[in-house]
Structures are given as structure tokens and as C-alpha cells.
Amino acid sequence: MGTYQQQMNTILSLAFFMILVGNPDTPVFGFMEEEQSETSLYDSTTNSFYADGEDWSMVQKDGNQFVVNGQPFYLNGFNTYWLMVFSADNSTRGKVTEVLQQASSVGLTVCRTWAFNDGQWRALQKSPGVYDEEVFKGLDFVVSEAKKYKIRLILSFANNWDAYGGKPQYVKWGKDAGLNLTSDDDFFSHPTLRGYYKAHVKTVLNRVNTFTNITYKNDPTIFAWELMNEPRCTSDPSGDKLQSWIQEMAVYVKSIDAKHLVEIGLEGFYGPSAPERAQFNPNSYATQVGTDFIRNHQALGVDFASVHIYPDSWISQTISDAHLQFTKSWMEAHIEDAEKYLNMPVLFSEFGVSSKDPGYNSSFRDTFFSTVYNTLLNSTKKGGSGAGSLFWQLFPEGTEYMNDDYAIVLSKSPSTSNIISLHSTRLAIFNSLCSRKCKWGCKKNGALDTFLYRDEL
């Protein structure tokens, strides 16, 4: 029996015992008698809970929570950006299956990956509107394979950076077409480049999967669409240029696909609209990159907030306790904003630490992961906006040559793997125990605390 399943069985028994002893007259599933939810079952083959008779349905948003079939969906997930290009080659396709299987084995339920590769090696989009069908079939395989392991996908449409093409490639295409462009940030403002981007979005949304015959915009395996990975517009610190782009593109995605959730892909920096929140930014430069966390997420069509956590890039490369202190305050500030101003979930969609950082060791990485997870649990137990996190990034063995020094290979990182697995277990139990309309101040909170924070199970 795997570690995750052992933890699940032990914690489930403990939770049921504590809840029944603490309040034997209330039903186990659904916190209040009048709101008892349908029976939940545990699938040991996929290491997941599901409602009796449940089908694979869309993730939705209800206020500040994600929900599936009327139950909360607090999530533990990961990033593996290269799934599409590996799937496009039969010699590397097996690694995609391998990483999804390993993710499932520790209870991870959401993966964030790229639905773009623009003008580069093994490009999906070779030039505006021209696609490599074999690479697209690679993305089809990723979506199909993810469903087999009960893993949902966040698919990103473009990159702010030049890796996999990004906005610099769009600007190059524009220049090649004779446009007078002076900055990569023209991507956000020039109507032709906006048109290139929207054409790509439309192509992906309307893609019919060659493995499942399901159109992407109708596939519940896709958790959400991301407008762009880490958009920044440094040429306009006011944030107006990026805000205009977000407003147009979020509504455009929804005009084609009203079923799926949409997020922006932001790092979470506070901007001019909330000067009192700038104190939480990691440095003064963060206010000058053209993003504005609260304002950006108030745009019509945006369903949930995204935040990244990289203290080793933003504060100092040298490992210190200041990284942990920043992480906790950064997360708590954004959870508060999501509840107070945005009424939406917030997903910490990238966090990690480089093994090349001065002072790094695996013990610090474990403490860093535990800080992220425990901060989220403080929100989860109250039904708060802290909806989940996705670490950067998960690799299977044999792909270390792709490593950016942030990768985690579970078989080589047993202590980190155990921390990830335990957090998955806690969230799976929590999701199964709570109905969507539960009263968070209920008598079972003491029992919830017992199993949410127990370190050894």
C-alpha cells in the first residue's frame, strides 16, 4: 500500500472517530443536519474521493470557493510545463504518463502546463494561425492522459517571457509582417498582435481532442484557462495598458467558453490602485511592473486570483528565515484581499525554491513547503479563499536535463514527497467531509483541527 493511501486510511479513521465522538448526533458528510450531502466514497485506485454516482464534471466557483458537484474543492497541485512537447514525440511520451501517475500517487489533483509553444523548436504555433498537428496531438494526449489519473489541468495560452516564444515571438511576427513595433509590451496594445493572440485562444478552445473526441471548451478535465504566464508591462507602470488587455481577453475567452473558469496568471504584485498594500510586495520594483493585483482581478470574466511565491528571486538568493516570514505574510495578505475585495478563490499557482541558492538544503525546502501548506490550511478550515497551491515543479526520473534547479523528483525527495502527500490527504478528507453550504463555526472544528494539523499519521 502506498504512503498516500496509508495516510488517507489512517487520517480518515481518525477524523471519523473524532467527529462522531465529539458530536454523534450529526451526520458525517455535511456539517449541519439539514444540509447532509450525498455519501462520499474513497477510490483507492486513483487515491481520490468522489460522490456516489458522480461523473467527471466541471469545476465551478461559488463565492470564494471552488466546488465540484456541490462540494468544496480545495486542491493540492503542481506545475510541469513541458507536457505537450514531450507528448508530441513518441520517444518521450512515456514520461508524461509517468509524471501524471506519480502525481496521482501522492494525491495531487491539478496540474498547470503550457498550451503554447510559439515559433520555437517543436512549436505548436509555427507562425500566426499555422499549427503543427503532431504537437497539437501531443496536447490532446496530455488532456486525455490527465483524465485517466483524475488530474485536472490549468492550460496557459501564452508566456510573458521568451521561453516557448512568448510575447517576444508575437512581436517578432508583427515586425516580420511590417508593423512598427518598438517594445515587447506592444503585445498588449497593438490591435494586430491582440488579434494574433485571440486567434490562438479561439483555436485552442475549439480544438476537438483526437483521443477523446471532446472539444476542449467542453472538457471538464480542464480546470481553468490562464491568459498568460506572469504578465508584466513595465513600459506602463500605471497598469492601464495591461488592465485593458486583461479586460478584453477575459471577456473574449468567456464569449467562446462560458463553462470553464478563467484566471490571469499574475505573480500577485500590488500596484497603484492599492498603495496601502504595497508594504507586502517583496521589493519596491514590484510596484513598477505594470500589474495591480486587486484591480486586475476585478476585471469582468476573471473567476479566481493567481499568485506566485519566489522569495529567493524577489528578496535575496541566500536562504534565510526572512523567506519564510515573507511567504506567510504574502499569502495571508492575498487571502485577505480575495475575501475582502474580490470574493473569489486565490490559487498560489507557483511556489518553489532553487537547489542552487546559497544555504539551500532539503530541510529548508521541506520547511518552505510546510509554511505554504499550513498557511493554506488556516484558510481551508474556515472555508476561506485560500483555495490551493501548485508547486514548481514536478519531474519524473530521467528528465533532470530539463531541470531549472526547482524540480522535485519524488523518488529522490522522500521527505518532501511525504509532506506533499500528507497535505493532499488532509485536503481530500476535508473536501469529502464538508458540504458546500456548511456552517464553518460548527462543533466539528475541534475535530477538524485535530486531523488537519496532526504531523504524523
Protein backbone atom coordinates (compact mmCIF):
# COMPACT_ATOMS: atom_id res chain seq x y z
CA MET A 1 0.00 0.00 0.00
CA GLY A 2 1.40 3.43 -0.97
CA THR A 3 2.24 6.16 1.53
CA TYR A 4 -0.62 8.40 0.38
CA GLN A 5 -3.19 5.63 0.69
CA GLN A 6 -1.86 4.64 4.13
CA GLN A 7 -2.12 8.25 5.29
CA MET A 8 -5.60 8.52 3.82
CA ASN A 9 -6.89 5.44 5.59
CA THR A 10 -5.35 6.44 8.93
CA ILE A 11 -6.46 10.05 8.84
CA LEU A 12 -9.94 9.11 7.66
CA SER A 13 -10.38 6.74 10.58
CA LEU A 14 -9.10 9.38 12.99
CA ALA A 15 -11.34 12.08 11.55
CA PHE A 16 -14.46 9.97 11.67
CA PHE A 17 -13.72 8.90 15.23
CA MET A 18 -13.11 12.44 16.46
CA ILE A 19 -16.18 13.82 14.72
CA LEU A 20 -18.52 11.07 15.84
CA VAL A 21 -17.26 11.19 19.43
CA GLY A 22 -17.45 14.97 19.50
CA ASN A 23 -20.97 15.16 18.09
CA PRO A 24 -22.55 11.74 17.46
CA ASP A 25 -25.98 13.05 16.51
CA THR A 26 -24.87 14.82 13.34
CA PRO A 27 -24.24 13.08 10.02
CA VAL A 28 -20.63 12.56 8.98
CA PHE A 29 -20.92 14.05 5.49
CA GLY A 30 -22.23 17.61 5.68
CA PHE A 31 -21.65 19.71 8.75
CA MET A 32 -25.27 20.55 9.51
CA GLU A 33 -28.15 18.11 9.80
CA GLU A 34 -30.35 19.96 7.35
CA GLU A 35 -27.56 20.07 4.80
CA GLN A 36 -26.39 16.49 4.66
CA SER A 37 -24.60 15.87 1.38
CA GLU A 38 -24.61 12.66 -0.61
CA THR A 39 -22.36 9.84 0.53
CA SER A 40 -18.71 10.20 -0.43
CA LEU A 41 -16.55 7.25 -1.32
CA TYR A 42 -12.81 6.71 -1.49
CA ASP A 43 -11.35 5.31 -4.72
CA SER A 44 -8.13 3.55 -3.75
CA THR A 45 -7.15 3.07 -7.39
CA THR A 46 -6.97 6.80 -8.03
CA ASN A 47 -6.40 7.94 -4.43
CA SER A 48 -9.36 10.30 -4.52
CA PHE A 49 -12.80 10.92 -3.04
CA TYR A 50 -15.89 11.10 -5.18
CA ALA A 51 -19.59 11.37 -4.55
CA ASP A 52 -21.70 8.27 -5.07
CA GLY A 53 -22.81 8.33 -8.70
CA GLU A 54 -20.61 11.30 -9.51
CA ASP A 55 -19.42 11.84 -13.05
CA TRP A 56 -16.39 13.86 -14.16
CA SER A 57 -17.90 17.34 -14.03
CA MET A 58 -16.68 20.91 -14.39
CA VAL A 59 -15.04 22.73 -11.53
CA GLN A 60 -17.08 25.81 -10.69
CA LYS A 61 -16.76 28.79 -8.40
CA ASP A 62 -19.18 29.54 -5.59
CA GLY A 63 -18.17 32.77 -3.88
CA ASN A 64 -14.66 32.30 -2.54
CA GLN A 65 -14.56 28.53 -3.06
CA PHE A 66 -14.04 26.10 -5.91
CA VAL A 67 -16.75 23.44 -5.97
CA VAL A 68 -17.31 20.16 -7.79
CA ASN A 69 -20.73 18.54 -7.64
CA GLY A 70 -21.73 20.83 -4.80
CA GLN A 71 -18.74 20.02 -2.60
CA PRO A 72 -15.71 22.23 -1.87
CA PHE A 73 -12.65 21.54 -3.98
CA TYR A 74 -9.56 22.68 -2.09
CA LEU A 75 -6.64 21.48 -4.14
CA ASN A 76 -3.03 20.40 -3.98
CA GLY A 77 -1.28 20.52 -7.33
CA PHE A 78 1.87 21.02 -9.33
CA ASN A 79 3.43 22.53 -12.43
CA THR A 80 5.04 20.57 -15.25
CA TYR A 81 5.23 22.97 -18.15
CA TRP A 82 6.69 20.68 -20.87
CA LEU A 83 3.98 18.02 -21.08
CA MET A 84 2.82 18.96 -24.59
CA VAL A 85 6.23 18.90 -26.27
CA PHE A 86 7.15 15.62 -24.58
CA SER A 87 3.85 14.11 -25.71
CA ALA A 88 4.50 15.17 -29.30
CA ASP A 89 7.43 12.74 -29.52
CA ASN A 90 6.86 9.01 -29.05
CA SER A 91 10.32 8.65 -27.52
CA THR A 92 9.42 10.95 -24.60
CA ARG A 93 5.63 10.49 -24.36
CA GLY A 94 6.03 7.85 -21.66
CA LYS A 95 7.45 10.49 -19.31
CA VAL A 96 4.12 12.31 -19.43
CA THR A 97 2.26 9.24 -18.25
CA GLU A 98 4.94 8.67 -15.63
CA VAL A 99 4.72 12.14 -14.09
CA LEU A 100 0.91 12.06 -14.02
CA GLN A 101 0.93 8.64 -12.37
CA GLN A 102 3.44 9.80 -9.77
CA ALA A 103 1.43 12.96 -9.10
CA SER A 104 -1.70 10.88 -8.57
CA SER A 105 0.18 8.58 -6.19
CA VAL A 106 0.69 11.48 -3.75
CA GLY A 107 -2.84 12.82 -4.19
CA LEU A 108 -2.15 15.79 -6.46
CA THR A 109 -5.32 16.79 -8.31
CA VAL A 110 -4.39 19.75 -10.55
CA CYS A 111 -1.54 20.31 -12.99
CA ARG A 112 -0.64 23.61 -14.63
CA THR A 113 1.03 23.32 -18.04
CA TRP A 114 1.54 25.20 -21.30
CA ALA A 115 -0.93 25.21 -24.20
CA PHE A 116 1.54 27.23 -26.24
CA ASN A 117 4.89 26.95 -27.94
CA ASP A 118 5.30 29.80 -30.38
CA GLY A 119 7.82 29.75 -33.22
CA GLN A 120 10.36 27.65 -31.33
CA TRP A 121 11.69 24.11 -31.56
CA ARG A 122 8.76 21.70 -31.76
CA ALA A 123 6.41 24.69 -31.94
CA LEU A 124 2.67 24.31 -31.60
CA GLN A 125 2.11 27.60 -33.44
CA LYS A 126 4.77 27.88 -36.16
CA SER A 127 3.50 31.27 -37.34
CA PRO A 128 0.29 33.18 -36.63
CA GLY A 129 -2.58 30.78 -37.19
CA VAL A 130 -0.33 27.98 -38.54
CA TYR A 131 -0.13 24.91 -36.30
CA ASP A 132 1.83 21.69 -36.16
CA GLU A 133 -0.82 18.97 -35.96
CA GLU A 134 1.54 16.47 -34.34
CA VAL A 135 2.27 18.88 -31.49
CA PHE A 136 -1.45 19.58 -31.11
CA LYS A 137 -1.99 15.83 -30.87
CA GLY A 138 0.59 15.91 -28.09
CA LEU A 139 -1.61 18.35 -26.17
CA ASP A 140 -4.59 16.12 -26.91
CA PHE A 141 -2.72 13.24 -25.30
CA VAL A 142 -1.92 15.32 -22.20
CA VAL A 143 -5.61 16.12 -21.67
CA SER A 144 -6.67 12.53 -22.31
CA GLU A 145 -3.99 11.07 -20.03
CA ALA A 146 -4.66 13.53 -17.22
CA LYS A 147 -8.26 12.37 -17.01
CA LYS A 148 -7.12 8.76 -16.56
CA TYR A 149 -5.36 9.81 -13.37
CA LYS A 150 -8.15 12.14 -12.18
CA ILE A 151 -5.90 15.17 -12.61
CA ARG A 152 -7.38 18.43 -13.89
CA LEU A 153 -5.39 20.89 -15.97
CA ILE A 154 -4.82 24.63 -15.95
CA LEU A 155 -3.79 25.45 -19.52
CA SER A 156 -1.92 28.69 -20.17
CA PHE A 157 -2.29 30.42 -23.54
CA ALA A 158 0.98 32.42 -23.72
CA ASN A 159 4.15 33.46 -21.92
CA ASN A 160 5.34 36.87 -20.82
CA TRP A 161 8.91 35.60 -21.19
CA ASP A 162 10.77 34.37 -24.25
CA ALA A 163 10.74 30.70 -23.23
CA TYR A 164 8.48 28.83 -25.66
CA GLY A 165 8.18 32.01 -27.73
CA GLY A 166 6.11 34.25 -25.52
CA LYS A 167 5.22 37.85 -26.20
CA PRO A 168 8.67 38.49 -27.82
CA GLN A 169 7.75 35.96 -30.54
CA TYR A 170 4.42 37.68 -31.17
CA VAL A 171 6.26 40.99 -31.55
CA LYS A 172 8.75 39.37 -33.94
CA TRP A 173 5.87 38.05 -36.03
CA GLY A 174 4.42 41.55 -36.07
CA LYS A 175 7.69 43.07 -37.21
CA ASP A 176 8.01 40.42 -39.90
CA ALA A 177 4.57 41.49 -41.11
CA GLY A 178 5.78 45.11 -41.40
CA LEU A 179 4.36 46.54 -38.18
CA ASN A 180 6.17 49.43 -36.50
CA LEU A 181 6.77 47.96 -33.06
CA THR A 182 9.25 49.31 -30.51
CA SER A 183 8.71 47.20 -27.40
CA ASP A 184 7.72 43.69 -26.42
CA ASP A 185 4.93 45.36 -24.45
CA ASP A 186 3.34 46.29 -27.78
CA PHE A 187 1.95 42.77 -27.50
CA PHE A 188 -0.63 44.16 -25.08
CA SER A 189 -1.69 47.19 -27.09
CA HIS A 190 -1.24 46.70 -30.85
CA PRO A 191 -4.52 45.53 -32.42
CA THR A 192 -2.79 43.12 -34.82
CA LEU A 193 -0.92 41.37 -32.01
CA ARG A 194 -4.08 41.25 -29.94
CA GLY A 195 -5.68 39.61 -32.95
CA TYR A 196 -2.90 37.02 -33.18
CA TYR A 197 -3.40 36.14 -29.53
CA LYS A 198 -7.19 35.91 -29.81
CA ALA A 199 -6.90 33.67 -32.85
CA HIS A 200 -4.71 31.29 -30.83
CA VAL A 201 -7.19 31.31 -27.95
CA LYS A 202 -10.05 30.52 -30.31
CA THR A 203 -8.10 27.69 -31.93
CA VAL A 204 -7.33 26.04 -28.59
CA LEU A 205 -10.84 26.43 -27.19
CA ASN A 206 -12.43 24.92 -30.29
CA ARG A 207 -9.92 22.10 -30.65
CA VAL A 208 -11.52 18.64 -30.83
CA ASN A 209 -9.34 16.17 -28.95
CA THR A 210 -8.19 13.41 -31.31
CA PHE A 211 -8.06 10.89 -28.43
CA THR A 212 -11.38 11.62 -26.72
CA ASN A 213 -13.36 13.42 -29.45
CA ILE A 214 -14.29 16.05 -26.83
CA THR A 215 -13.92 19.73 -27.69
CA TYR A 216 -11.58 21.44 -25.25
CA LYS A 217 -14.17 24.04 -24.28
CA ASN A 218 -16.49 21.22 -23.20
CA ASP A 219 -13.94 19.06 -21.37
CA PRO A 220 -14.17 19.02 -17.56
CA THR A 221 -10.60 17.70 -17.39
CA ILE A 222 -9.61 21.30 -17.99
CA PHE A 223 -9.85 23.10 -14.66
CA ALA A 224 -9.26 26.61 -16.00
CA TRP A 225 -7.74 28.75 -18.72
CA GLU A 226 -4.84 31.07 -17.92
CA LEU A 227 -4.47 34.20 -20.04
CA MET A 228 -0.68 34.37 -19.73
CA ASN A 229 2.16 33.16 -17.57
CA GLU A 230 3.35 36.05 -15.38
CA PRO A 231 2.22 39.02 -17.49
CA ARG A 232 4.16 42.23 -16.89
CA CYS A 233 4.02 45.55 -18.73
CA THR A 234 6.97 47.57 -17.44
CA SER A 235 6.52 50.25 -20.11
CA ASP A 236 3.34 51.39 -18.33
CA PRO A 237 3.71 51.34 -14.51
CA SER A 238 0.22 52.86 -14.21
CA GLY A 239 -1.14 49.45 -15.15
CA ASP A 240 -3.67 50.84 -17.63
CA LYS A 241 -2.25 49.06 -20.68
CA LEU A 242 -2.24 45.63 -19.07
CA GLN A 243 -5.64 46.21 -17.47
CA SER A 244 -7.14 46.97 -20.88
CA TRP A 245 -5.66 43.76 -22.29
CA ILE A 246 -6.93 41.65 -19.38
CA GLN A 247 -10.43 43.10 -19.69
CA GLU A 248 -10.59 42.36 -23.40
CA MET A 249 -9.11 38.87 -23.26
CA ALA A 250 -11.01 37.56 -20.24
CA VAL A 251 -14.32 38.52 -21.84
CA TYR A 252 -13.16 37.08 -25.16
CA VAL A 253 -12.41 33.68 -23.62
CA LYS A 254 -15.80 33.70 -21.90
CA SER A 255 -17.55 34.61 -25.18
CA ILE A 256 -16.36 31.30 -26.64
CA ASP A 257 -16.28 29.19 -23.48
CA ALA A 258 -18.63 30.21 -20.69
CA LYS A 259 -18.25 26.88 -18.89
CA HIS A 260 -14.64 26.98 -17.74
CA LEU A 261 -13.01 29.19 -15.14
CA VAL A 262 -10.56 31.89 -16.24
CA GLU A 263 -7.55 33.32 -14.40
CA ILE A 264 -4.90 35.81 -15.44
CA GLY A 265 -1.61 34.19 -14.44
CA LEU A 266 -0.30 37.06 -12.32
CA GLU A 267 2.52 36.91 -9.78
CA GLY A 268 0.45 38.93 -7.30
CA PHE A 269 2.29 42.26 -7.07
CA TYR A 270 0.33 45.20 -5.70
CA GLY A 271 0.08 48.32 -7.85
CA PRO A 272 -1.16 51.91 -7.84
CA SER A 273 -4.79 51.10 -7.03
CA ALA A 274 -3.85 49.82 -3.55
CA PRO A 275 -0.90 51.82 -2.22
CA GLU A 276 -1.60 50.64 1.33
CA ARG A 277 -0.90 47.05 0.22
CA ALA A 278 2.47 47.85 -1.35
CA GLN A 279 4.08 47.08 2.01
CA PHE A 280 3.52 43.39 1.26
CA ASN A 281 5.41 43.50 -2.04
CA PRO A 282 8.81 41.82 -1.91
CA ASN A 283 10.61 44.94 -3.14
CA SER A 284 9.96 48.42 -4.49
CA TYR A 285 10.42 47.34 -8.11
CA ALA A 286 7.37 45.11 -7.86
CA THR A 287 5.12 48.19 -7.90
CA GLN A 288 6.61 49.29 -11.24
CA VAL A 289 5.97 46.26 -13.46
CA GLY A 290 2.51 47.30 -14.67
CA THR A 291 0.49 44.76 -12.67
CA ASP A 292 -2.04 45.54 -9.98
CA PHE A 293 -3.32 42.53 -8.06
CA ILE A 294 -6.67 43.82 -6.81
CA ARG A 295 -7.59 45.94 -9.84
CA ASN A 296 -6.56 43.27 -12.34
CA HIS A 297 -8.70 40.63 -10.66
CA GLN A 298 -11.77 42.86 -10.63
CA ALA A 299 -11.95 42.60 -14.42
CA LEU A 300 -15.13 41.03 -15.79
CA GLY A 301 -14.63 37.41 -16.73
CA VAL A 302 -11.86 36.67 -14.23
CA ASP A 303 -13.02 33.93 -11.86
CA PHE A 304 -10.16 33.46 -9.42
CA ALA A 305 -6.89 35.06 -8.41
CA SER A 306 -3.40 33.74 -9.04
CA VAL A 307 -0.26 34.44 -7.00
CA HIS A 308 3.32 33.17 -7.24
CA ILE A 309 5.80 32.82 -4.37
CA TYR A 310 9.54 33.16 -5.06
CA PRO A 311 11.30 34.79 -2.13
CA ASP A 312 14.67 33.55 -3.38
CA SER A 313 14.16 35.51 -6.62
CA TRP A 314 12.44 38.54 -5.15
CA ILE A 315 14.10 39.16 -1.77
CA SER A 316 17.53 37.54 -1.70
CA GLN A 317 19.02 34.43 -3.20
CA THR A 318 20.63 33.40 0.08
CA ILE A 319 18.33 31.18 2.13
CA SER A 320 17.11 32.70 5.41
CA ASP A 321 14.15 32.75 7.76
CA ALA A 322 13.12 36.01 6.09
CA HIS A 323 11.95 33.88 3.15
CA LEU A 324 9.52 32.02 5.39
CA GLN A 325 8.29 35.18 7.09
CA PHE A 326 7.68 36.81 3.71
CA THR A 327 5.87 33.73 2.39
CA LYS A 328 3.42 33.69 5.28
CA SER A 329 2.63 37.43 5.19
CA TRP A 330 2.44 37.43 1.35
CA MET A 331 -0.07 34.58 1.37
CA GLU A 332 -2.16 35.95 4.21
CA ALA A 333 -2.40 39.35 2.53
CA HIS A 334 -3.69 37.85 -0.72
CA ILE A 335 -6.12 35.54 1.03
CA GLU A 336 -7.49 38.55 2.90
CA ASP A 337 -7.82 40.54 -0.34
CA ALA A 338 -9.57 37.66 -2.08
CA GLU A 339 -12.12 37.54 0.73
CA LYS A 340 -12.48 41.26 1.44
CA TYR A 341 -12.32 42.84 -2.01
CA LEU A 342 -12.64 40.15 -4.67
CA ASN A 343 -15.00 37.46 -3.29
CA MET A 344 -13.11 34.78 -5.18
CA PRO A 345 -10.71 31.91 -4.52
CA VAL A 346 -6.98 32.58 -4.68
CA LEU A 347 -4.63 29.94 -6.03
CA PHE A 348 -0.92 30.10 -5.26
CA SER A 349 -0.13 28.73 -8.68
CA GLU A 350 3.66 28.69 -8.45
CA PHE A 351 5.95 28.34 -5.46
CA GLY A 352 9.36 26.82 -5.10
CA VAL A 353 12.98 27.17 -4.03
CA SER A 354 16.11 26.65 -6.10
CA SER A 355 18.59 23.98 -5.06
CA LYS A 356 21.34 26.36 -6.24
CA ASP A 357 20.51 29.01 -3.65
CA PRO A 358 23.33 29.70 -1.16
CA GLY A 359 22.42 27.94 2.07
CA TYR A 360 19.90 25.61 0.44
CA ASN A 361 19.22 22.15 1.80
CA SER A 362 16.29 19.76 1.57
CA SER A 363 15.31 20.55 5.16
CA PHE A 364 14.71 24.18 4.21
CA ARG A 365 12.63 23.13 1.21
CA ASP A 366 10.50 20.96 3.48
CA THR A 367 10.01 23.86 5.89
CA PHE A 368 9.13 26.16 2.99
CA PHE A 369 6.54 23.71 1.65
CA SER A 370 5.10 23.22 5.14
CA THR A 371 4.81 27.00 5.56
CA VAL A 372 2.79 27.26 2.34
CA TYR A 373 0.59 24.31 3.20
CA ASN A 374 -0.08 25.30 6.81
CA THR A 375 -0.94 28.87 5.83
CA LEU A 376 -3.46 27.46 3.39
CA LEU A 377 -4.89 25.10 6.00
CA ASN A 378 -5.58 28.07 8.28
CA SER A 379 -7.84 29.35 5.50
CA THR A 380 -9.26 25.97 4.49
CA LYS A 381 -10.59 25.10 7.95
CA LYS A 382 -12.66 28.32 7.85
CA GLY A 383 -13.90 27.76 4.30
CA GLY A 384 -11.74 30.69 3.22
CA SER A 385 -10.37 31.91 -0.08
CA GLY A 386 -7.04 30.09 0.21
CA ALA A 387 -8.07 27.53 -2.38
CA GLY A 388 -4.84 25.69 -3.05
CA SER A 389 -1.30 25.72 -4.34
CA LEU A 390 0.79 24.33 -7.19
CA PHE A 391 4.47 23.78 -6.54
CA TRP A 392 7.07 24.45 -9.22
CA GLN A 393 7.75 21.81 -10.44
CA LEU A 394 7.33 18.00 -10.64
CA PHE A 395 9.68 15.87 -12.76
CA PRO A 396 9.90 12.11 -13.25
CA GLU A 397 13.27 10.37 -13.17
CA GLY A 398 15.26 10.68 -16.38
CA THR A 399 14.27 14.27 -17.15
CA GLU A 400 16.81 16.01 -14.96
CA TYR A 401 18.43 17.55 -18.03
CA MET A 402 15.34 19.81 -18.17
CA ASN A 403 15.73 20.83 -14.53
CA ASP A 404 15.82 24.56 -13.73
CA ASP A 405 17.00 23.68 -10.18
CA TYR A 406 13.47 23.91 -8.81
CA ALA A 407 12.35 20.44 -9.88
CA ILE A 408 11.25 17.76 -7.44
CA VAL A 409 11.70 14.09 -8.30
CA LEU A 410 9.55 12.29 -5.74
CA SER A 411 11.66 9.13 -5.59
CA LYS A 412 14.74 11.22 -4.78
CA SER A 413 12.98 13.53 -2.32
CA PRO A 414 11.26 11.25 0.22
CA SER A 415 10.76 13.83 2.96
CA THR A 416 9.27 16.41 0.58
CA SER A 417 7.16 13.72 -1.02
CA ASN A 418 5.73 12.81 2.38
CA ILE A 419 4.84 16.44 3.12
CA ILE A 420 3.10 16.76 -0.25
CA SER A 421 1.23 13.50 0.29
CA LEU A 422 0.08 14.45 3.78
CA HIS A 423 -1.27 17.79 2.56
CA SER A 424 -3.16 16.03 -0.23
CA THR A 425 -4.65 13.67 2.32
CA ARG A 426 -5.81 16.48 4.58
CA LEU A 427 -7.49 18.32 1.72
CA ALA A 428 -9.15 15.19 0.33
CA ILE A 429 -10.63 14.41 3.74
CA PHE A 430 -11.73 17.99 4.23
CA ASN A 431 -13.41 18.15 0.81
CA SER A 432 -15.27 14.92 1.48
CA LEU A 433 -16.43 15.88 4.97
CA CYS A 434 -17.84 19.26 4.09
CA SER A 435 -20.89 20.11 2.05
CA ARG A 436 -20.85 23.34 0.08
CA LYS A 437 -23.26 25.14 2.41
CA CYS A 438 -21.76 24.01 5.67
CA LYS A 439 -21.62 26.31 8.65
CA TRP A 440 -17.97 26.90 9.36
CA GLY A 441 -18.45 27.70 13.02
CA CYS A 442 -19.77 24.23 13.70
CA LYS A 443 -18.96 21.98 16.64
CA LYS A 444 -16.70 19.82 14.49
CA ASN A 445 -13.99 22.42 14.09
CA GLY A 446 -12.07 20.94 17.01
CA ALA A 447 -12.03 17.59 15.26
CA LEU A 448 -11.02 19.26 12.01
CA ASP A 449 -8.08 20.89 13.76
CA THR A 450 -7.05 17.50 15.10
CA PHE A 451 -6.59 15.88 11.73
CA LEU A 452 -5.69 18.96 9.68
CA TYR A 453 -2.66 19.71 11.83
CA ARG A 454 -1.54 16.30 13.03
CA ASP A 455 2.02 15.89 11.69
CA GLU A 456 2.36 12.12 11.90
CA LEU A 457 -0.36 9.78 10.72
